[in-house]
Amino acid sequence: MDFELTPKEEALRQEVRTWLAANLPEAWGTPAFPTPRRMEDKIAFAKTWQRKLYEGGWAGLSWPREFGGRGATVIEQLVFSEEYAAARAPDLVDIGVGPALTGPTLIQYGTPEQQRRFLPGILNGDEVWCQGFSEPNAGSDLASLRTRAEFRDDDAFISGQKIWTSYAQSADWCILLARTDPSAPKHRGLTFFLVDMRTPGITIRPLVEMTGVAWFNEVFFDDVRVPRANIVGAVNQGWGVAISTLTHERGGSSPHTRLRRDLDQMIDLAKRTECGGQPLSRDPRVRQRLAQHFIEVEALKYTAYRDVSAVARGKPPGPAGSIFKLLWSELDIRMKETAVDLEGPYASLYVDSPHAIEDGKWQYEYLWSRAASIYAGTSEVQRNILAQRVLGLPRGT
């Protein structure tokens, strides 16, 4: 593996760094910035920022040029992701799953009409998307889903329930998987739909997570009409489309850069926090934990580089991506546990307390990190994938 960037790649890194420095909102990343709290304000801010990225030529960086992207290589995408994370730029998740999941799926499987209709609005932030995959009894075992779609003439009518649907209350559209052939084996007989969230028959109920935020939901569909033109791929062949979508969900980011940024902040916190008259950074037990996290972040970085290098050589993304997801999600939890330990008794104070350290940042991060081992495939599912599809171990009976 060659760790040196080409002149073109290095020029891209400098271009990204310069553009972000010039275009990030004033006072961004400082206590002076009025961080949006309400969901409506977060979505509005995310759409404005997505539009700025689009106008700057940074939206859909790896998308083919004919679809509005730059046709960036996987190395160039990694360079952008690293610089974006290092600059602590706005979280792209708040615009929904459109740019990361829906767009790439439509580029691969969508009809020309679907691509013309949806891709521009995804890139420029005009439309927010959510993902209707998980159900109460079909999360990790997605193929067990029970939401059904029945065809009447040229339309499908969908009935069922989805859960953990992020941003459903703000979404314009939803990518949804439903069963269209109940007699087929569970991985077959599924169809991939594009659902207008303003269609009659959709009920959305927000779910409050333990951080106090209600940004995901349970969604009920009661005979919701979907035109046949909004099917992606072939009828009863939606499982393959969904697997491709999930491949995009589990890759393409640079959490190692974000975790390294978090580690630097934790080290600074250890230097500023005293115990027994001296900074925690001088405590050998604290130093050992922070050093271990540094080692793990570096290992994560080189795992990302290995995966990207393989794709750059023409190897398609595969089950080995589960290694990366498992590593970063479990490390995220361990690091946030260390952060709240550094705060000592102040860790019991949350954002509503005037005495909370850093406005309760680490308490929020600690609670939110627990989700990392669940979303995009639980840690248990990732281990099963690695055991069966990478190591070739036999399935349990």
Protein backbone atom coordinates (compact mmCIF):
# COMPACT_ATOMS: atom_id res chain seq x y z
CA MET A 1 0.00 0.00 0.00
CA ASP A 2 1.33 3.41 -1.01
CA PHE A 3 0.46 6.00 1.63
CA GLU A 4 1.67 8.93 -0.46
CA LEU A 5 -1.01 10.94 -2.25
CA THR A 6 -0.61 11.72 -5.91
CA PRO A 7 -0.19 15.42 -6.84
CA LYS A 8 -3.84 15.44 -7.96
CA GLU A 9 -5.04 13.95 -4.68
CA GLU A 10 -2.92 16.33 -2.62
CA ALA A 11 -4.30 19.26 -4.62
CA LEU A 12 -7.81 18.03 -3.84
CA ARG A 13 -6.99 17.91 -0.13
CA GLN A 14 -5.84 21.53 -0.22
CA GLU A 15 -8.89 22.53 -2.26
CA VAL A 16 -11.27 20.93 0.26
CA ARG A 17 -9.43 22.48 3.20
CA THR A 18 -9.49 25.95 1.64
CA TRP A 19 -13.15 25.75 0.63
CA LEU A 20 -14.29 24.62 4.07
CA ALA A 21 -12.30 27.36 5.79
CA ALA A 22 -13.98 29.94 3.58
CA ASN A 23 -17.52 28.55 3.66
CA LEU A 24 -18.20 27.11 7.10
CA PRO A 25 -20.78 29.23 8.97
CA GLU A 26 -19.34 32.06 11.04
CA ALA A 27 -18.34 30.91 14.54
CA TRP A 28 -19.01 27.27 13.52
CA GLY A 29 -17.60 24.84 16.06
CA THR A 30 -17.46 27.43 18.85
CA PRO A 31 -19.87 28.13 21.73
CA ALA A 32 -20.84 31.35 19.94
CA PHE A 33 -22.56 29.44 17.11
CA PRO A 34 -26.34 29.14 17.65
CA THR A 35 -26.57 25.36 17.36
CA PRO A 36 -30.05 24.33 16.15
CA ARG A 37 -31.96 22.42 18.83
CA ARG A 38 -35.41 21.82 17.36
CA MET A 39 -35.76 19.17 14.65
CA GLU A 40 -37.28 21.67 12.23
CA ASP A 41 -34.33 24.01 12.68
CA LYS A 42 -31.80 21.19 12.26
CA ILE A 43 -33.38 20.11 8.99
CA ALA A 44 -33.56 23.69 7.70
CA PHE A 45 -29.89 24.24 8.52
CA ALA A 46 -28.93 20.91 6.92
CA LYS A 47 -30.78 21.74 3.70
CA THR A 48 -29.09 25.15 3.51
CA TRP A 49 -25.67 23.58 4.04
CA GLN A 50 -26.38 20.84 1.48
CA ARG A 51 -27.27 23.53 -1.04
CA LYS A 52 -23.95 25.26 -0.34
CA LEU A 53 -22.07 22.00 -0.83
CA TYR A 54 -23.93 21.49 -4.09
CA GLU A 55 -23.11 24.97 -5.36
CA GLY A 56 -19.48 24.45 -4.38
CA GLY A 57 -19.30 21.19 -6.33
CA TRP A 58 -18.89 18.98 -3.25
CA ALA A 59 -22.26 17.20 -3.18
CA GLY A 60 -22.25 13.67 -4.55
CA LEU A 61 -18.49 13.82 -4.99
CA SER A 62 -18.18 10.18 -6.10
CA TRP A 63 -21.30 10.22 -8.28
CA PRO A 64 -20.71 10.00 -12.04
CA ARG A 65 -20.48 13.38 -13.74
CA GLU A 66 -23.58 12.72 -15.83
CA PHE A 67 -25.57 12.60 -12.60
CA GLY A 68 -24.13 15.81 -11.15
CA GLY A 69 -21.12 14.44 -9.28
CA ARG A 70 -17.40 14.75 -9.87
CA GLY A 71 -16.71 11.10 -10.62
CA ALA A 72 -14.21 11.05 -7.76
CA THR A 73 -12.19 7.94 -7.06
CA VAL A 74 -12.49 6.13 -3.74
CA ILE A 75 -9.17 7.66 -2.69
CA GLU A 76 -10.42 11.15 -3.52
CA GLN A 77 -13.64 10.46 -1.61
CA LEU A 78 -11.56 9.37 1.40
CA VAL A 79 -9.47 12.56 1.17
CA PHE A 80 -12.64 14.66 1.17
CA SER A 81 -14.17 12.71 4.08
CA GLU A 82 -11.02 13.08 6.18
CA GLU A 83 -10.78 16.82 5.60
CA TYR A 84 -14.51 17.25 6.18
CA ALA A 85 -14.34 15.42 9.51
CA ALA A 86 -11.13 17.18 10.55
CA ALA A 87 -12.81 20.56 9.98
CA ARG A 88 -15.75 19.45 12.16
CA ALA A 89 -18.05 20.41 9.31
CA PRO A 90 -21.84 19.98 9.70
CA ASP A 91 -23.17 16.45 10.03
CA LEU A 92 -24.42 15.28 6.65
CA VAL A 93 -26.79 12.78 8.28
CA ASP A 94 -29.26 15.58 9.09
CA ILE A 95 -30.26 15.79 5.42
CA GLY A 96 -31.52 12.20 5.59
CA VAL A 97 -30.40 9.17 3.62
CA GLY A 98 -30.71 10.72 0.16
CA PRO A 99 -27.09 11.50 -0.75
CA ALA A 100 -25.56 8.43 0.92
CA LEU A 101 -28.14 5.72 0.17
CA THR A 102 -30.94 6.70 -2.21
CA GLY A 103 -28.74 8.43 -4.77
CA PRO A 104 -26.19 5.61 -5.23
CA THR A 105 -29.04 3.07 -5.34
CA LEU A 106 -30.86 4.97 -8.07
CA ILE A 107 -27.66 5.44 -10.03
CA GLN A 108 -27.17 1.67 -10.02
CA TYR A 109 -30.74 0.41 -10.34
CA GLY A 110 -33.04 3.34 -11.16
CA THR A 111 -34.71 3.98 -14.47
CA PRO A 112 -33.69 7.07 -16.48
CA GLU A 113 -36.99 8.66 -15.47
CA GLN A 114 -36.33 8.00 -11.76
CA GLN A 115 -32.81 9.36 -12.05
CA ARG A 116 -33.97 12.56 -13.76
CA ARG A 117 -36.76 13.06 -11.24
CA PHE A 118 -34.95 12.39 -7.97
CA LEU A 119 -31.17 12.80 -8.25
CA PRO A 120 -31.08 16.63 -8.63
CA GLY A 121 -33.25 17.16 -5.53
CA ILE A 122 -31.09 14.76 -3.53
CA LEU A 123 -27.89 16.57 -4.48
CA ASN A 124 -29.09 20.13 -3.85
CA GLY A 125 -30.95 19.34 -0.63
CA ASP A 126 -34.43 20.20 -1.88
CA GLU A 127 -35.84 16.83 -0.77
CA VAL A 128 -35.20 14.91 2.44
CA TRP A 129 -35.30 11.10 2.39
CA CYS A 130 -35.83 8.44 5.04
CA GLN A 131 -35.34 4.67 5.01
CA GLY A 132 -38.26 2.27 5.57
CA PHE A 133 -36.47 -1.02 6.13
CA SER A 134 -36.55 -2.09 9.81
CA GLU A 135 -39.72 -3.39 11.46
CA PRO A 136 -40.54 -4.38 15.06
CA ASN A 137 -39.71 -8.05 14.31
CA ALA A 138 -37.42 -7.52 11.34
CA GLY A 139 -34.42 -5.41 12.26
CA SER A 140 -31.27 -7.50 12.19
CA ASP A 141 -33.21 -10.16 10.25
CA LEU A 142 -34.50 -7.72 7.67
CA ALA A 143 -35.78 -10.43 5.32
CA SER A 144 -38.42 -11.35 7.91
CA LEU A 145 -40.30 -8.09 7.26
CA ARG A 146 -44.10 -8.29 7.12
CA THR A 147 -45.08 -5.03 5.42
CA ARG A 148 -46.99 -6.06 2.28
CA ALA A 149 -47.69 -4.49 -1.06
CA GLU A 150 -50.62 -5.68 -3.16
CA PHE A 151 -50.97 -4.73 -6.82
CA ARG A 152 -54.23 -3.39 -8.17
CA ASP A 153 -53.99 -2.46 -11.82
CA ASP A 154 -50.80 -0.37 -12.17
CA ASP A 155 -50.44 0.66 -8.53
CA ALA A 156 -49.16 -1.00 -5.38
CA PHE A 157 -50.96 -0.57 -2.06
CA ILE A 158 -48.72 -0.88 0.98
CA SER A 159 -49.82 -1.83 4.50
CA GLY A 160 -47.62 -2.47 7.51
CA GLN A 161 -45.31 -0.85 10.03
CA LYS A 162 -41.72 0.40 9.98
CA ILE A 163 -39.66 1.44 12.98
CA TRP A 164 -36.45 3.35 13.80
CA THR A 165 -37.15 5.45 10.71
CA SER A 166 -34.79 8.39 11.05
CA TYR A 167 -36.15 11.81 10.00
CA ALA A 168 -39.48 10.35 8.87
CA GLN A 169 -41.30 13.34 10.37
CA SER A 170 -39.30 15.67 8.10
CA ALA A 171 -38.87 13.47 5.03
CA ASP A 172 -40.39 14.10 1.62
CA TRP A 173 -39.68 10.58 0.34
CA CYS A 174 -38.90 7.12 1.69
CA ILE A 175 -37.02 4.15 0.27
CA LEU A 176 -39.11 1.18 1.40
CA LEU A 177 -38.88 -2.59 1.23
CA ALA A 178 -42.15 -4.54 1.19
CA ARG A 179 -43.23 -8.13 0.59
CA THR A 180 -44.99 -8.64 -2.74
CA ASP A 181 -44.99 -12.45 -2.86
CA PRO A 182 -45.89 -13.98 0.53
CA SER A 183 -45.46 -17.51 -0.84
CA ALA A 184 -41.80 -17.00 -1.81
CA PRO A 185 -38.83 -17.68 0.51
CA LYS A 186 -38.24 -14.72 2.79
CA HIS A 187 -35.25 -13.32 0.86
CA ARG A 188 -37.32 -13.43 -2.30
CA GLY A 189 -40.66 -11.90 -3.04
CA LEU A 190 -39.54 -8.46 -1.79
CA THR A 191 -39.81 -5.24 -3.80
CA PHE A 192 -38.02 -1.90 -3.40
CA PHE A 193 -40.30 1.17 -3.52
CA LEU A 194 -39.97 4.96 -3.55
CA VAL A 195 -42.80 6.29 -1.39
CA ASP A 196 -44.03 9.88 -1.26
CA MET A 197 -44.36 10.60 2.48
CA ARG A 198 -47.28 12.97 1.83
CA THR A 199 -49.44 10.12 0.50
CA PRO A 200 -52.68 9.54 2.44
CA GLY A 201 -52.58 6.57 4.81
CA ILE A 202 -49.16 7.28 6.40
CA THR A 203 -49.03 7.87 10.17
CA ILE A 204 -45.77 8.94 11.85
CA ARG A 205 -45.12 8.64 15.58
CA PRO A 206 -41.81 10.08 16.86
CA LEU A 207 -39.78 7.97 19.31
CA VAL A 208 -37.81 9.73 22.04
CA GLU A 209 -34.35 8.22 22.52
CA MET A 210 -32.49 8.29 25.83
CA THR A 211 -30.65 11.47 24.80
CA GLY A 212 -34.02 13.21 24.88
CA VAL A 213 -34.08 13.71 21.09
CA ALA A 214 -36.94 12.38 18.93
CA TRP A 215 -35.39 12.14 15.47
CA PHE A 216 -36.45 8.61 14.61
CA ASN A 217 -39.95 7.24 14.43
CA GLU A 218 -42.35 4.39 13.94
CA VAL A 219 -44.32 4.72 10.70
CA PHE A 220 -47.62 3.03 9.86
CA PHE A 221 -48.83 2.42 6.30
CA ASP A 222 -52.53 1.84 5.74
CA ASP A 223 -53.26 0.92 2.12
CA VAL A 224 -50.80 3.56 0.87
CA ARG A 225 -50.89 3.91 -2.90
CA VAL A 226 -47.55 3.80 -4.74
CA PRO A 227 -47.38 4.02 -8.56
CA ARG A 228 -45.65 1.13 -10.32
CA ALA A 229 -43.26 3.71 -11.78
CA ASN A 230 -41.81 4.12 -8.26
CA ILE A 231 -40.48 0.56 -8.11
CA VAL A 232 -36.68 0.33 -8.18
CA GLY A 233 -35.46 -2.77 -9.98
CA ALA A 234 -37.81 -5.63 -10.74
CA VAL A 235 -40.87 -6.74 -8.79
CA ASN A 236 -39.93 -9.46 -6.25
CA GLN A 237 -36.22 -8.71 -6.76
CA GLY A 238 -35.88 -6.01 -4.11
CA TRP A 239 -33.55 -7.95 -1.81
CA GLY A 240 -30.58 -7.46 -4.13
CA VAL A 241 -31.33 -3.73 -4.40
CA ALA A 242 -31.61 -3.45 -0.61
CA ILE A 243 -28.31 -5.28 -0.05
CA SER A 244 -26.61 -2.80 -2.39
CA THR A 245 -28.16 0.05 -0.39
CA LEU A 246 -26.90 -1.42 2.89
CA THR A 247 -23.40 -1.74 1.41
CA HIS A 248 -23.39 2.04 0.94
CA GLU A 249 -24.71 2.47 4.50
CA ARG A 250 -21.81 0.57 6.04
CA GLY A 251 -19.01 2.19 4.12
CA GLY A 252 -17.81 5.37 2.51
CA SER A 253 -17.08 7.37 5.66
CA SER A 254 -14.03 8.19 7.74
CA PRO A 255 -14.99 7.67 11.40
CA HIS A 256 -11.31 7.32 12.25
CA THR A 257 -10.87 11.06 11.63
CA ARG A 258 -13.85 11.92 13.82
CA LEU A 259 -12.64 9.60 16.59
CA ARG A 260 -9.13 11.06 16.41
CA ARG A 261 -10.68 14.52 16.79
CA ASP A 262 -12.65 13.25 19.80
CA LEU A 263 -9.48 11.77 21.27
CA ASP A 264 -7.64 15.09 20.97
CA GLN A 265 -10.49 16.76 22.86
CA MET A 266 -10.39 14.05 25.52
CA ILE A 267 -6.65 14.58 25.98
CA ASP A 268 -7.27 18.30 26.38
CA LEU A 269 -10.00 17.52 28.94
CA ALA A 270 -7.54 15.34 30.88
CA LYS A 271 -5.03 18.19 30.94
CA ARG A 272 -7.62 20.66 32.23
CA THR A 273 -9.20 18.40 34.86
CA GLU A 274 -7.45 18.02 38.21
CA CYS A 275 -7.64 15.24 40.77
CA GLY A 276 -5.65 15.36 43.99
CA GLY A 277 -4.00 18.62 42.95
CA GLN A 278 -2.60 17.46 39.62
CA PRO A 279 -3.99 17.09 36.07
CA LEU A 280 -5.56 13.75 35.20
CA SER A 281 -3.16 13.62 32.24
CA ARG A 282 -0.39 12.75 34.72
CA ASP A 283 -2.28 9.78 36.14
CA PRO A 284 -0.66 6.64 34.66
CA ARG A 285 -4.02 4.84 34.49
CA VAL A 286 -5.55 7.71 32.49
CA ARG A 287 -2.49 7.92 30.25
CA GLN A 288 -2.72 4.19 29.57
CA ARG A 289 -6.39 4.40 28.56
CA LEU A 290 -5.78 7.36 26.27
CA ALA A 291 -2.74 5.65 24.73
CA GLN A 292 -4.81 2.52 24.08
CA HIS A 293 -7.44 4.61 22.32
CA PHE A 294 -4.74 6.24 20.19
CA ILE A 295 -3.52 2.79 19.13
CA GLU A 296 -7.05 1.68 18.31
CA VAL A 297 -7.82 4.81 16.29
CA GLU A 298 -4.65 4.29 14.26
CA ALA A 299 -5.58 0.65 13.65
CA LEU A 300 -9.01 1.79 12.51
CA LYS A 301 -7.45 4.31 10.13
CA TYR A 302 -5.26 1.71 8.48
CA THR A 303 -8.19 -0.69 8.24
CA ALA A 304 -10.05 2.03 6.33
CA TYR A 305 -7.03 2.57 4.11
CA ARG A 306 -6.79 -1.15 3.42
CA ASP A 307 -10.45 -1.35 2.40
CA VAL A 308 -10.24 1.75 0.21
CA SER A 309 -7.04 0.47 -1.40
CA ALA A 310 -8.75 -2.83 -2.26
CA VAL A 311 -11.68 -1.02 -3.90
CA ALA A 312 -9.25 1.25 -5.78
CA ARG A 313 -7.66 -1.89 -7.25
CA GLY A 314 -11.03 -3.02 -8.58
CA LYS A 315 -12.18 -5.29 -5.76
CA PRO A 316 -15.89 -4.72 -5.03
CA PRO A 317 -17.00 -3.93 -1.46
CA GLY A 318 -17.87 -7.10 0.39
CA PRO A 319 -18.48 -8.62 3.79
CA ALA A 320 -15.06 -7.51 5.01
CA GLY A 321 -16.66 -4.08 5.44
CA SER A 322 -18.24 -5.55 8.55
CA ILE A 323 -14.78 -5.51 10.15
CA PHE A 324 -14.63 -1.75 9.79
CA LYS A 325 -18.15 -1.16 11.08
CA LEU A 326 -17.60 -3.45 14.07
CA LEU A 327 -14.26 -1.83 14.94
CA TRP A 328 -15.37 1.79 14.86
CA SER A 329 -18.73 1.33 16.58
CA GLU A 330 -17.28 -0.62 19.50
CA LEU A 331 -14.34 1.79 19.80
CA ASP A 332 -16.73 4.74 19.82
CA ILE A 333 -18.47 3.29 22.88
CA ARG A 334 -15.21 2.66 24.75
CA MET A 335 -13.92 6.16 24.07
CA LYS A 336 -17.10 7.86 25.27
CA GLU A 337 -16.95 5.76 28.45
CA THR A 338 -13.45 7.12 29.05
CA ALA A 339 -14.63 10.69 28.39
CA VAL A 340 -17.36 10.60 31.03
CA ASP A 341 -14.95 8.91 33.46
CA LEU A 342 -12.61 11.87 33.03
CA GLU A 343 -15.38 14.20 34.20
CA GLY A 344 -15.77 12.36 37.49
CA PRO A 345 -18.87 13.47 39.43
CA TYR A 346 -19.58 16.16 36.82
CA ALA A 347 -20.54 13.35 34.44
CA SER A 348 -23.92 13.21 36.20
CA LEU A 349 -24.74 16.70 34.90
CA TYR A 350 -26.40 16.99 31.50
CA VAL A 351 -26.96 19.86 29.07
CA ASP A 352 -29.62 21.53 31.22
CA SER A 353 -27.15 22.18 34.05
CA PRO A 354 -25.13 25.42 34.07
CA HIS A 355 -22.28 23.48 35.68
CA ALA A 356 -22.06 20.79 33.01
CA ILE A 357 -18.62 20.47 31.42
CA GLU A 358 -18.59 21.51 27.75
CA ASP A 359 -22.38 21.90 27.78
CA GLY A 360 -22.85 18.19 28.48
CA LYS A 361 -21.16 17.16 25.21
CA TRP A 362 -19.65 13.95 26.52
CA GLN A 363 -22.80 12.83 28.34
CA TYR A 364 -24.75 13.19 25.11
CA GLU A 365 -22.02 11.43 23.13
CA TYR A 366 -21.88 8.63 25.69
CA LEU A 367 -25.62 7.97 25.43
CA TRP A 368 -25.66 8.29 21.65
CA SER A 369 -22.65 6.01 21.16
CA ARG A 370 -24.71 3.03 22.34
CA ALA A 371 -26.68 3.27 19.10
CA ALA A 372 -23.50 2.74 17.05
CA SER A 373 -23.52 -0.95 17.93
CA ILE A 374 -27.12 -1.26 16.68
CA TYR A 375 -27.73 0.87 13.57
CA ALA A 376 -26.43 -0.17 10.13
CA GLY A 377 -26.31 -3.74 11.42
CA THR A 378 -25.79 -4.74 15.05
CA SER A 379 -22.41 -5.85 16.33
CA GLU A 380 -23.82 -9.36 16.67
CA VAL A 381 -24.89 -9.37 13.01
CA GLN A 382 -21.48 -8.07 11.93
CA ARG A 383 -19.77 -10.87 13.85
CA ASN A 384 -22.04 -13.45 12.21
CA ILE A 385 -21.25 -12.02 8.76
CA LEU A 386 -17.52 -12.22 9.47
CA ALA A 387 -17.78 -15.74 10.87
CA GLN A 388 -19.85 -17.14 8.01
CA ARG A 389 -18.87 -15.11 4.94
CA VAL A 390 -15.25 -14.20 5.69
CA LEU A 391 -13.94 -16.99 7.91
CA GLY A 392 -16.20 -19.69 6.43
CA LEU A 393 -17.33 -21.00 9.80
CA PRO A 394 -20.42 -23.23 9.85
CA ARG A 395 -23.78 -21.77 10.71
CA GLY A 396 -25.23 -22.54 14.13
CA THR A 397 -28.02 -25.06 14.38
